[in-house]
Amino acid sequence: DVRFLGYPDGRVEATLDLRRDISRVIRQVRPQRVI
């Protein structure tokens, strides 16, 4: 299972949108560990 968010390479910022999109996957996967 390999997923891509499609943010622009070289222009990533720690925005609320990115936090939301990662949070979405965390809630989907429900991992005990995140690297």
PDB file of all heavy atoms in Angstrom:
ATOM      1  N   ASP A   1       0.854  -1.197   0.000  1.00  0.00           N
ATOM      2  CA  ASP A   1       0.000   0.000   0.000  1.00  0.00           C
ATOM      3  C   ASP A   1       0.887   1.244   0.000  1.00  0.00           C
ATOM      4  O   ASP A   1       1.504   1.579   1.013  1.00  0.00           O
ATOM      5  CB  ASP A   1      -0.898  -0.030   1.241  1.00  0.00           C
ATOM      6  CG  ASP A   1      -1.982   1.051   1.229  1.00  0.00           C
ATOM      7  OD1 ASP A   1      -1.876   2.002   0.434  1.00  0.00           O
ATOM      8  OD2 ASP A   1      -2.928   0.931   2.036  1.00  0.00           O
ATOM      9  N   VAL A   2       0.966   1.918  -1.149  1.00  0.00           N
ATOM     10  CA  VAL A   2       1.789   3.121  -1.293  1.00  0.00           C
ATOM     11  C   VAL A   2       0.878   4.261  -1.732  1.00  0.00           C
ATOM     12  O   VAL A   2       0.198   4.159  -2.763  1.00  0.00           O
ATOM     13  CB  VAL A   2       2.918   2.933  -2.323  1.00  0.00           C
ATOM     14  CG1 VAL A   2       3.796   4.176  -2.390  1.00  0.00           C
ATOM     15  CG2 VAL A   2       3.756   1.700  -1.979  1.00  0.00           C
ATOM     16  N   ARG A   3       0.857   5.346  -0.974  1.00  0.00           N
ATOM     17  CA  ARG A   3      -0.044   6.460  -1.237  1.00  0.00           C
ATOM     18  C   ARG A   3       0.749   7.739  -1.479  1.00  0.00           C
ATOM     19  O   ARG A   3       1.845   7.910  -0.938  1.00  0.00           O
ATOM     20  CB  ARG A   3      -1.012   6.651  -0.072  1.00  0.00           C
ATOM     21  CG  ARG A   3      -1.726   5.358   0.327  1.00  0.00           C
ATOM     22  CD  ARG A   3      -2.714   5.563   1.448  1.00  0.00           C
ATOM     23  NE  ARG A   3      -3.199   4.277   1.958  1.00  0.00           N
ATOM     24  CZ  ARG A   3      -4.195   4.149   2.828  1.00  0.00           C
ATOM     25  NH1 ARG A   3      -4.814   5.238   3.301  1.00  0.00           N
ATOM     26  NH2 ARG A   3      -4.571   2.948   3.245  1.00  0.00           N
ATOM     27  N   PHE A   4       0.168   8.632  -2.270  1.00  0.00           N
ATOM     28  CA  PHE A   4       0.816   9.889  -2.613  1.00  0.00           C
ATOM     29  C   PHE A   4      -0.173  11.040  -2.400  1.00  0.00           C
ATOM     30  O   PHE A   4      -1.325  10.946  -2.804  1.00  0.00           O
ATOM     31  CB  PHE A   4       1.266   9.879  -4.081  1.00  0.00           C
ATOM     32  CG  PHE A   4       2.248   8.785  -4.410  1.00  0.00           C
ATOM     33  CD1 PHE A   4       1.810   7.522  -4.781  1.00  0.00           C
ATOM     34  CD2 PHE A   4       3.614   9.014  -4.341  1.00  0.00           C
ATOM     35  CE1 PHE A   4       2.698   6.498  -5.077  1.00  0.00           C
ATOM     36  CE2 PHE A   4       4.524   8.002  -4.631  1.00  0.00           C
ATOM     37  CZ  PHE A   4       4.056   6.742  -5.000  1.00  0.00           C
ATOM     38  N   LEU A   5       0.313  12.113  -1.775  1.00  0.00           N
ATOM     39  CA  LEU A   5      -0.543  13.270  -1.546  1.00  0.00           C
ATOM     40  C   LEU A   5      -0.458  14.296  -2.669  1.00  0.00           C
ATOM     41  O   LEU A   5      -1.333  15.156  -2.772  1.00  0.00           O
ATOM     42  CB  LEU A   5      -0.189  13.934  -0.208  1.00  0.00           C
ATOM     43  CG  LEU A   5      -0.485  13.092   1.043  1.00  0.00           C
ATOM     44  CD1 LEU A   5      -0.067  13.866   2.296  1.00  0.00           C
ATOM     45  CD2 LEU A   5      -1.960  12.714   1.108  1.00  0.00           C
ATOM     46  N   GLY A   6       0.594  14.251  -3.481  1.00  0.00           N
ATOM     47  CA  GLY A   6       0.679  15.135  -4.639  1.00  0.00           C
ATOM     48  C   GLY A   6       1.034  16.579  -4.349  1.00  0.00           C
ATOM     49  O   GLY A   6       0.779  17.459  -5.182  1.00  0.00           O
ATOM     50  N   TYR A   7       1.642  16.841  -3.201  1.00  0.00           N
ATOM     51  CA  TYR A   7       2.109  18.208  -2.932  1.00  0.00           C
ATOM     52  C   TYR A   7       3.293  18.511  -3.846  1.00  0.00           C
ATOM     53  O   TYR A   7       4.015  17.606  -4.262  1.00  0.00           O
ATOM     54  CB  TYR A   7       2.506  18.355  -1.463  1.00  0.00           C
ATOM     55  CG  TYR A   7       1.321  18.582  -0.542  1.00  0.00           C
ATOM     56  CD1 TYR A   7       0.467  17.538  -0.206  1.00  0.00           C
ATOM     57  CD2 TYR A   7       1.050  19.837  -0.031  1.00  0.00           C
ATOM     58  CE1 TYR A   7      -0.628  17.738   0.622  1.00  0.00           C
ATOM     59  CE2 TYR A   7      -0.042  20.066   0.806  1.00  0.00           C
ATOM     60  CZ  TYR A   7      -0.879  19.010   1.126  1.00  0.00           C
ATOM     61  OH  TYR A   7      -1.973  19.218   1.947  1.00  0.00           O
ATOM     62  N   PRO A   8       3.528  19.781  -4.165  1.00  0.00           N
ATOM     63  CA  PRO A   8       4.601  20.122  -5.107  1.00  0.00           C
ATOM     64  C   PRO A   8       5.991  19.851  -4.547  1.00  0.00           C
ATOM     65  O   PRO A   8       6.330  20.327  -3.454  1.00  0.00           O
ATOM     66  CB  PRO A   8       4.381  21.615  -5.376  1.00  0.00           C
ATOM     67  CG  PRO A   8       3.600  22.119  -4.214  1.00  0.00           C
ATOM     68  CD  PRO A   8       2.745  20.978  -3.766  1.00  0.00           C
ATOM     69  N   ASP A   9       6.777  19.096  -5.272  1.00  0.00           N
ATOM     70  CA  ASP A   9       8.135  18.748  -4.882  1.00  0.00           C
ATOM     71  C   ASP A   9       8.980  20.016  -4.803  1.00  0.00           C
ATOM     72  O   ASP A   9       8.995  20.839  -5.727  1.00  0.00           O
ATOM     73  CB  ASP A   9       8.715  17.782  -5.918  1.00  0.00           C
ATOM     74  CG  ASP A   9      10.066  17.228  -5.533  1.00  0.00           C
ATOM     75  OD1 ASP A   9      10.569  17.547  -4.438  1.00  0.00           O
ATOM     76  OD2 ASP A   9      10.629  16.470  -6.345  1.00  0.00           O
ATOM     77  N   GLY A  10       9.691  20.171  -3.688  1.00  0.00           N
ATOM     78  CA  GLY A  10      10.538  21.342  -3.494  1.00  0.00           C
ATOM     79  C   GLY A  10       9.840  22.517  -2.844  1.00  0.00           C
ATOM     80  O   GLY A  10      10.475  23.527  -2.532  1.00  0.00           O
ATOM     81  N   ARG A  11       8.523  22.378  -2.599  1.00  0.00           N
ATOM     82  CA  ARG A  11       7.757  23.495  -2.022  1.00  0.00           C
ATOM     83  C   ARG A  11       6.872  23.045  -0.868  1.00  0.00           C
ATOM     84  O   ARG A  11       5.844  23.657  -0.585  1.00  0.00           O
ATOM     85  CB  ARG A  11       6.911  24.150  -3.112  1.00  0.00           C
ATOM     86  CG  ARG A  11       7.732  24.905  -4.159  1.00  0.00           C
ATOM     87  CD  ARG A  11       6.836  25.496  -5.232  1.00  0.00           C
ATOM     88  NE  ARG A  11       6.408  24.483  -6.191  1.00  0.00           N
ATOM     89  CZ  ARG A  11       5.418  24.667  -7.081  1.00  0.00           C
ATOM     90  NH1 ARG A  11       4.748  25.803  -7.086  1.00  0.00           N
ATOM     91  NH2 ARG A  11       5.113  23.702  -7.925  1.00  0.00           N
ATOM     92  N   VAL A  12       7.272  21.988  -0.190  1.00  0.00           N
ATOM     93  CA  VAL A  12       6.464  21.481   0.921  1.00  0.00           C
ATOM     94  C   VAL A  12       6.596  22.397   2.126  1.00  0.00           C
ATOM     95  O   VAL A  12       7.700  22.799   2.498  1.00  0.00           O
ATOM     96  CB  VAL A  12       6.894  20.050   1.306  1.00  0.00           C
ATOM     97  CG1 VAL A  12       6.070  19.536   2.491  1.00  0.00           C
ATOM     98  CG2 VAL A  12       6.747  19.110   0.117  1.00  0.00           C
ATOM     99  N   GLU A  13       5.478  22.724   2.728  1.00  0.00           N
ATOM    100  CA  GLU A  13       5.441  23.507   3.957  1.00  0.00           C
ATOM    101  C   GLU A  13       4.548  22.792   4.969  1.00  0.00           C
ATOM    102  O   GLU A  13       3.620  22.080   4.588  1.00  0.00           O
ATOM    103  CB  GLU A  13       4.896  24.914   3.693  1.00  0.00           C
ATOM    104  CG  GLU A  13       5.757  25.744   2.756  1.00  0.00           C
ATOM    105  CD  GLU A  13       5.178  27.121   2.494  1.00  0.00           C
ATOM    106  OE1 GLU A  13       3.933  27.269   2.565  1.00  0.00           O
ATOM    107  OE2 GLU A  13       5.959  28.047   2.245  1.00  0.00           O
ATOM    108  N   ALA A  14       4.829  22.995   6.239  1.00  0.00           N
ATOM    109  CA  ALA A  14       4.070  22.321   7.304  1.00  0.00           C
ATOM    110  C   ALA A  14       2.766  23.064   7.572  1.00  0.00           C
ATOM    111  O   ALA A  14       2.531  23.607   8.650  1.00  0.00           O
ATOM    112  CB  ALA A  14       4.919  22.234   8.567  1.00  0.00           C
ATOM    113  N   THR A  15       1.893  23.058   6.581  1.00  0.00           N
ATOM    114  CA  THR A  15       0.641  23.791   6.646  1.00  0.00           C
ATOM    115  C   THR A  15      -0.437  22.980   7.364  1.00  0.00           C
ATOM    116  O   THR A  15      -0.328  21.765   7.544  1.00  0.00           O
ATOM    117  CB  THR A  15       0.144  24.120   5.234  1.00  0.00           C
ATOM    118  OG1 THR A  15      -0.092  22.882   4.537  1.00  0.00           O
ATOM    119  CG2 THR A  15       1.168  24.950   4.477  1.00  0.00           C
ATOM    120  N   LEU A  16      -1.527  23.654   7.705  1.00  0.00           N
ATOM    121  CA  LEU A  16      -2.667  22.962   8.281  1.00  0.00           C
ATOM    122  C   LEU A  16      -3.262  21.969   7.285  1.00  0.00           C
ATOM    123  O   LEU A  16      -3.740  20.900   7.667  1.00  0.00           O
ATOM    124  CB  LEU A  16      -3.724  23.974   8.724  1.00  0.00           C
ATOM    125  CG  LEU A  16      -3.419  24.720  10.029  1.00  0.00           C
ATOM    126  CD1 LEU A  16      -4.442  25.835  10.235  1.00  0.00           C
ATOM    127  CD2 LEU A  16      -3.432  23.768  11.218  1.00  0.00           C
ATOM    128  N   ASP A  17      -3.233  22.322   5.999  1.00  0.00           N
ATOM    129  CA  ASP A  17      -3.748  21.400   4.990  1.00  0.00           C
ATOM    130  C   ASP A  17      -2.951  20.096   4.977  1.00  0.00           C
ATOM    131  O   ASP A  17      -3.524  19.005   4.896  1.00  0.00           O
ATOM    132  CB  ASP A  17      -3.710  22.035   3.602  1.00  0.00           C
ATOM    133  CG  ASP A  17      -4.837  23.030   3.373  1.00  0.00           C
ATOM    134  OD1 ASP A  17      -5.785  23.055   4.192  1.00  0.00           O
ATOM    135  OD2 ASP A  17      -4.774  23.775   2.376  1.00  0.00           O
ATOM    136  N   LEU A  18      -1.618  20.221   5.041  1.00  0.00           N
ATOM    137  CA  LEU A  18      -0.797  19.017   5.045  1.00  0.00           C
ATOM    138  C   LEU A  18      -1.018  18.221   6.329  1.00  0.00           C
ATOM    139  O   LEU A  18      -1.112  16.982   6.295  1.00  0.00           O
ATOM    140  CB  LEU A  18       0.679  19.373   4.878  1.00  0.00           C
ATOM    141  CG  LEU A  18       1.651  18.192   4.865  1.00  0.00           C
ATOM    142  CD1 LEU A  18       1.274  17.158   3.805  1.00  0.00           C
ATOM    143  CD2 LEU A  18       3.094  18.684   4.638  1.00  0.00           C
ATOM    144  N   ARG A  19      -1.136  18.894   7.452  1.00  0.00           N
ATOM    145  CA  ARG A  19      -1.427  18.210   8.711  1.00  0.00           C
ATOM    146  C   ARG A  19      -2.746  17.447   8.619  1.00  0.00           C
ATOM    147  O   ARG A  19      -2.850  16.290   9.050  1.00  0.00           O
ATOM    148  CB  ARG A  19      -1.466  19.212   9.863  1.00  0.00           C
ATOM    149  CG  ARG A  19      -0.099  19.724  10.259  1.00  0.00           C
ATOM    150  CD  ARG A  19      -0.170  20.939  11.163  1.00  0.00           C
ATOM    151  NE  ARG A  19      -0.962  20.726  12.379  1.00  0.00           N
ATOM    152  CZ  ARG A  19      -1.076  21.627  13.346  1.00  0.00           C
ATOM    153  NH1 ARG A  19      -0.436  22.796  13.244  1.00  0.00           N
ATOM    154  NH2 ARG A  19      -1.803  21.382  14.416  1.00  0.00           N
ATOM    155  N   ARG A  20      -3.748  18.075   8.019  1.00  0.00           N
ATOM    156  CA  ARG A  20      -5.045  17.410   7.849  1.00  0.00           C
ATOM    157  C   ARG A  20      -4.912  16.172   6.961  1.00  0.00           C
ATOM    158  O   ARG A  20      -5.463  15.111   7.268  1.00  0.00           O
ATOM    159  CB  ARG A  20      -6.052  18.371   7.227  1.00  0.00           C
ATOM    160  CG  ARG A  20      -7.434  17.758   6.955  1.00  0.00           C
ATOM    161  CD  ARG A  20      -8.157  18.529   5.877  1.00  0.00           C
ATOM    162  NE  ARG A  20      -7.424  18.495   4.623  1.00  0.00           N
ATOM    163  CZ  ARG A  20      -7.289  19.552   3.814  1.00  0.00           C
ATOM    164  NH1 ARG A  20      -7.810  20.724   4.127  1.00  0.00           N
ATOM    165  NH2 ARG A  20      -6.613  19.429   2.682  1.00  0.00           N
ATOM    166  N   ASP A  21      -4.169  16.303   5.852  1.00  0.00           N
ATOM    167  CA  ASP A  21      -4.056  15.195   4.912  1.00  0.00           C
ATOM    168  C   ASP A  21      -3.291  14.015   5.511  1.00  0.00           C
ATOM    169  O   ASP A  21      -3.617  12.855   5.239  1.00  0.00           O
ATOM    170  CB  ASP A  21      -3.401  15.670   3.620  1.00  0.00           C
ATOM    171  CG  ASP A  21      -4.305  16.611   2.829  1.00  0.00           C
ATOM    172  OD1 ASP A  21      -5.514  16.677   3.130  1.00  0.00           O
ATOM    173  OD2 ASP A  21      -3.795  17.293   1.912  1.00  0.00           O
ATOM    174  N   ILE A  22      -2.281  14.304   6.320  1.00  0.00           N
ATOM    175  CA  ILE A  22      -1.572  13.218   7.008  1.00  0.00           C
ATOM    176  C   ILE A  22      -2.448  12.632   8.106  1.00  0.00           C
ATOM    177  O   ILE A  22      -2.502  11.406   8.294  1.00  0.00           O
ATOM    178  CB  ILE A  22      -0.228  13.718   7.568  1.00  0.00           C
ATOM    179  CG1 ILE A  22       0.689  14.179   6.425  1.00  0.00           C
ATOM    180  CG2 ILE A  22       0.452  12.611   8.380  1.00  0.00           C
ATOM    181  CD1 ILE A  22       1.966  14.844   6.886  1.00  0.00           C
ATOM    182  N   SER A  23      -3.178  13.495   8.821  1.00  0.00           N
ATOM    183  CA  SER A  23      -4.097  13.009   9.861  1.00  0.00           C
ATOM    184  C   SER A  23      -5.151  12.083   9.271  1.00  0.00           C
ATOM    185  O   SER A  23      -5.531  11.074   9.893  1.00  0.00           O
ATOM    186  CB  SER A  23      -4.790  14.197  10.551  1.00  0.00           C
ATOM    187  OG  SER A  23      -3.878  14.999  11.253  1.00  0.00           O
ATOM    188  N   ARG A  24      -5.622  12.413   8.082  1.00  0.00           N
ATOM    189  CA  ARG A  24      -6.607  11.555   7.418  1.00  0.00           C
ATOM    190  C   ARG A  24      -6.059  10.132   7.250  1.00  0.00           C
ATOM    191  O   ARG A  24      -6.735   9.146   7.563  1.00  0.00           O
ATOM    192  CB  ARG A  24      -6.980  12.125   6.052  1.00  0.00           C
ATOM    193  CG  ARG A  24      -7.911  11.203   5.239  1.00  0.00           C
ATOM    194  CD  ARG A  24      -8.208  11.757   3.859  1.00  0.00           C
ATOM    195  NE  ARG A  24      -9.049  12.938   3.923  1.00  0.00           N
ATOM    196  CZ  ARG A  24      -8.649  14.167   3.636  1.00  0.00           C
ATOM    197  NH1 ARG A  24      -7.379  14.387   3.254  1.00  0.00           N
ATOM    198  NH2 ARG A  24      -9.473  15.187   3.708  1.00  0.00           N
ATOM    199  N   VAL A  25      -4.823  10.030   6.777  1.00  0.00           N
ATOM    200  CA  VAL A  25      -4.241   8.705   6.550  1.00  0.00           C
ATOM    201  C   VAL A  25      -3.974   8.001   7.876  1.00  0.00           C
ATOM    202  O   VAL A  25      -4.165   6.785   7.990  1.00  0.00           O
ATOM    203  CB  VAL A  25      -2.967   8.818   5.687  1.00  0.00           C
ATOM    204  CG1 VAL A  25      -2.335   7.451   5.484  1.00  0.00           C
ATOM    205  CG2 VAL A  25      -3.300   9.447   4.327  1.00  0.00           C
ATOM    206  N   ILE A  26      -3.551   8.748   8.893  1.00  0.00           N
ATOM    207  CA  ILE A  26      -3.368   8.136  10.208  1.00  0.00           C
ATOM    208  C   ILE A  26      -4.683   7.539  10.699  1.00  0.00           C
ATOM    209  O   ILE A  26      -4.727   6.407  11.195  1.00  0.00           O
ATOM    210  CB  ILE A  26      -2.828   9.167  11.215  1.00  0.00           C
ATOM    211  CG1 ILE A  26      -1.366   9.518  10.898  1.00  0.00           C
ATOM    212  CG2 ILE A  26      -2.943   8.640  12.651  1.00  0.00           C
ATOM    213  CD1 ILE A  26      -0.805  10.643  11.738  1.00  0.00           C
ATOM    214  N   ARG A  27      -5.772   8.266  10.537  1.00  0.00           N
ATOM    215  CA  ARG A  27      -7.066   7.753  10.997  1.00  0.00           C
ATOM    216  C   ARG A  27      -7.538   6.581  10.142  1.00  0.00           C
ATOM    217  O   ARG A  27      -8.255   5.701  10.633  1.00  0.00           O
ATOM    218  CB  ARG A  27      -8.104   8.877  10.990  1.00  0.00           C
ATOM    219  CG  ARG A  27      -7.829   9.957  12.026  1.00  0.00           C
ATOM    220  CD  ARG A  27      -8.972  10.934  12.119  1.00  0.00           C
ATOM    221  NE  ARG A  27      -8.669  12.047  13.018  1.00  0.00           N
ATOM    222  CZ  ARG A  27      -9.574  12.928  13.435  1.00  0.00           C
ATOM    223  NH1 ARG A  27     -10.833  12.825  13.017  1.00  0.00           N
ATOM    224  NH2 ARG A  27      -9.228  13.913  14.232  1.00  0.00           N
ATOM    225  N   GLN A  28      -7.151   6.562   8.877  1.00  0.00           N
ATOM    226  CA  GLN A  28      -7.509   5.434   8.011  1.00  0.00           C
ATOM    227  C   GLN A  28      -6.707   4.184   8.371  1.00  0.00           C
ATOM    228  O   GLN A  28      -7.261   3.084   8.482  1.00  0.00           O
ATOM    229  CB  GLN A  28      -7.259   5.797   6.543  1.00  0.00           C
ATOM    230  CG  GLN A  28      -8.221   6.830   5.976  1.00  0.00           C
ATOM    231  CD  GLN A  28      -7.785   7.337   4.616  1.00  0.00           C
ATOM    232  OE1 GLN A  28      -6.609   7.234   4.251  1.00  0.00           O
ATOM    233  NE2 GLN A  28      -8.708   7.909   3.860  1.00  0.00           N
ATOM    234  N   VAL A  29      -5.410   4.351   8.554  1.00  0.00           N
ATOM    235  CA  VAL A  29      -4.514   3.215   8.782  1.00  0.00           C
ATOM    236  C   VAL A  29      -4.537   2.756  10.232  1.00  0.00           C
ATOM    237  O   VAL A  29      -4.397   1.569  10.530  1.00  0.00           O
ATOM    238  CB  VAL A  29      -3.079   3.584   8.337  1.00  0.00           C
ATOM    239  CG1 VAL A  29      -2.085   2.477   8.672  1.00  0.00           C
ATOM    240  CG2 VAL A  29      -3.052   3.898   6.841  1.00  0.00           C
ATOM    241  N   ARG A  30      -4.672   3.704  11.168  1.00  0.00           N
ATOM    242  CA  ARG A  30      -4.688   3.438  12.603  1.00  0.00           C
ATOM    243  C   ARG A  30      -3.419   2.699  13.047  1.00  0.00           C
ATOM    244  O   ARG A  30      -3.452   1.612  13.644  1.00  0.00           O
ATOM    245  CB  ARG A  30      -5.961   2.679  13.002  1.00  0.00           C
ATOM    246  CG  ARG A  30      -7.224   3.433  12.598  1.00  0.00           C
ATOM    247  CD  ARG A  30      -8.492   2.648  12.826  1.00  0.00           C
ATOM    248  NE  ARG A  30      -8.910   2.665  14.222  1.00  0.00           N
ATOM    249  CZ  ARG A  30      -9.553   3.682  14.832  1.00  0.00           C
ATOM    250  NH1 ARG A  30      -9.827   4.786  14.152  1.00  0.00           N
ATOM    251  NH2 ARG A  30      -9.921   3.588  16.082  1.00  0.00           N
ATOM    252  N   PRO A  31      -2.258   3.293  12.773  1.00  0.00           N
ATOM    253  CA  PRO A  31      -0.985   2.622  13.068  1.00  0.00           C
ATOM    254  C   PRO A  31      -0.605   2.703  14.541  1.00  0.00           C
ATOM    255  O   PRO A  31      -0.941   3.667  15.237  1.00  0.00           O
ATOM    256  CB  PRO A  31       0.008   3.407  12.219  1.00  0.00           C
ATOM    257  CG  PRO A  31      -0.568   4.801  12.190  1.00  0.00           C
ATOM    258  CD  PRO A  31      -2.068   4.613  12.154  1.00  0.00           C
ATOM    259  N   GLN A  32       0.113   1.695  14.994  1.00  0.00           N
ATOM    260  CA  GLN A  32       0.727   1.758  16.329  1.00  0.00           C
ATOM    261  C   GLN A  32       2.072   2.475  16.283  1.00  0.00           C
ATOM    262  O   GLN A  32       2.596   2.884  17.321  1.00  0.00           O
ATOM    263  CB  GLN A  32       0.941   0.351  16.892  1.00  0.00           C
ATOM    264  CG  GLN A  32      -0.334  -0.361  17.289  1.00  0.00           C
ATOM    265  CD  GLN A  32      -0.953  -1.099  16.121  1.00  0.00           C
ATOM    266  OE1 GLN A  32      -0.293  -1.425  15.140  1.00  0.00           O
ATOM    267  NE2 GLN A  32      -2.249  -1.371  16.217  1.00  0.00           N
ATOM    268  N   ARG A  33       2.626   2.629  15.090  1.00  0.00           N
ATOM    269  CA  ARG A  33       3.941   3.257  14.960  1.00  0.00           C
ATOM    270  C   ARG A  33       3.978   4.048  13.654  1.00  0.00           C
ATOM    271  O   ARG A  33       3.486   3.578  12.626  1.00  0.00           O
ATOM    272  CB  ARG A  33       5.029   2.192  14.964  1.00  0.00           C
ATOM    273  CG  ARG A  33       6.449   2.716  15.007  1.00  0.00           C
ATOM    274  CD  ARG A  33       7.418   1.551  15.210  1.00  0.00           C
ATOM    275  NE  ARG A  33       7.204   0.906  16.493  1.00  0.00           N
ATOM    276  CZ  ARG A  33       7.605  -0.321  16.798  1.00  0.00           C
ATOM    277  NH1 ARG A  33       8.241  -1.055  15.901  1.00  0.00           N
ATOM    278  NH2 ARG A  33       7.370  -0.838  17.993  1.00  0.00           N
ATOM    279  N   VAL A  34       4.575   5.243  13.707  1.00  0.00           N
ATOM    280  CA  VAL A  34       4.747   6.090  12.521  1.00  0.00           C
ATOM    281  C   VAL A  34       6.222   6.463  12.402  1.00  0.00           C
ATOM    282  O   VAL A  34       6.838   6.875  13.399  1.00  0.00           O
ATOM    283  CB  VAL A  34       3.878   7.368  12.595  1.00  0.00           C
ATOM    284  CG1 VAL A  34       4.166   8.284  11.415  1.00  0.00           C
ATOM    285  CG2 VAL A  34       2.391   7.006  12.624  1.00  0.00           C
ATOM    286  N   ILE A  35       6.783   6.287  11.226  1.00  0.00           N
ATOM    287  CA  ILE A  35       8.160   6.718  10.955  1.00  0.00           C
ATOM    288  C   ILE A  35       8.094   8.033  10.187  1.00  0.00           C
ATOM    289  O   ILE A  35       7.354   8.153   9.200  1.00  0.00           O
ATOM    290  CB  ILE A  35       8.931   5.676  10.131  1.00  0.00           C
ATOM    291  CG1 ILE A  35       9.055   4.353  10.895  1.00  0.00           C
ATOM    292  CG2 ILE A  35      10.322   6.198   9.771  1.00  0.00           C
ATOM    293  CD1 ILE A  35       9.834   3.280  10.149  1.00  0.00           C
TER     294      ILE A  35
END
